[in-house]
């Protein structure tokens, strides 16, 4: 599954694929670009550090001209390797798991239909991620990453 989320508006989309390859990711990103944000000059994306999530995937999936077009449309910001809890898409996946995938689903088509119904309901209600992690919380939780300044 690839999950796209626009947290401030309460929009999300989940794409179910057979695999999770570089090409699958590149195709999903092109759909995000061309279907959902066709007029955008630049699309800012926050994503995890999975090895398939990067500009090289566009060149593996598409002709060089198309790959370059897509690379120029996206601005990537990666969450820390051990900070998936910072990624709002991970929060959406958690909600999806609890509200929709909390039972056995026997086939891909049923999975797609269930996820589409869940997505439509969440989007209609404009449910957004109520992310309450503050800078002060980050300084406590991530204190080992902050430099120690000795005076």
Foldseek 3Di string as FASTA:
>chain_A
DDKDDDQVQQAIDDDDDPDDALQVVLVVLVCCDCVVPVPQQADEDEEEDDVSPDLVSLVVHDPPVRSVSSNRRYDYDYDDNPPVVVPQVVVVVVVCCVPQVVDDDDDDVSVVVSRVVVNVVSNVVSDHDPDDQDPVNCCVVVVVVDDDDDD
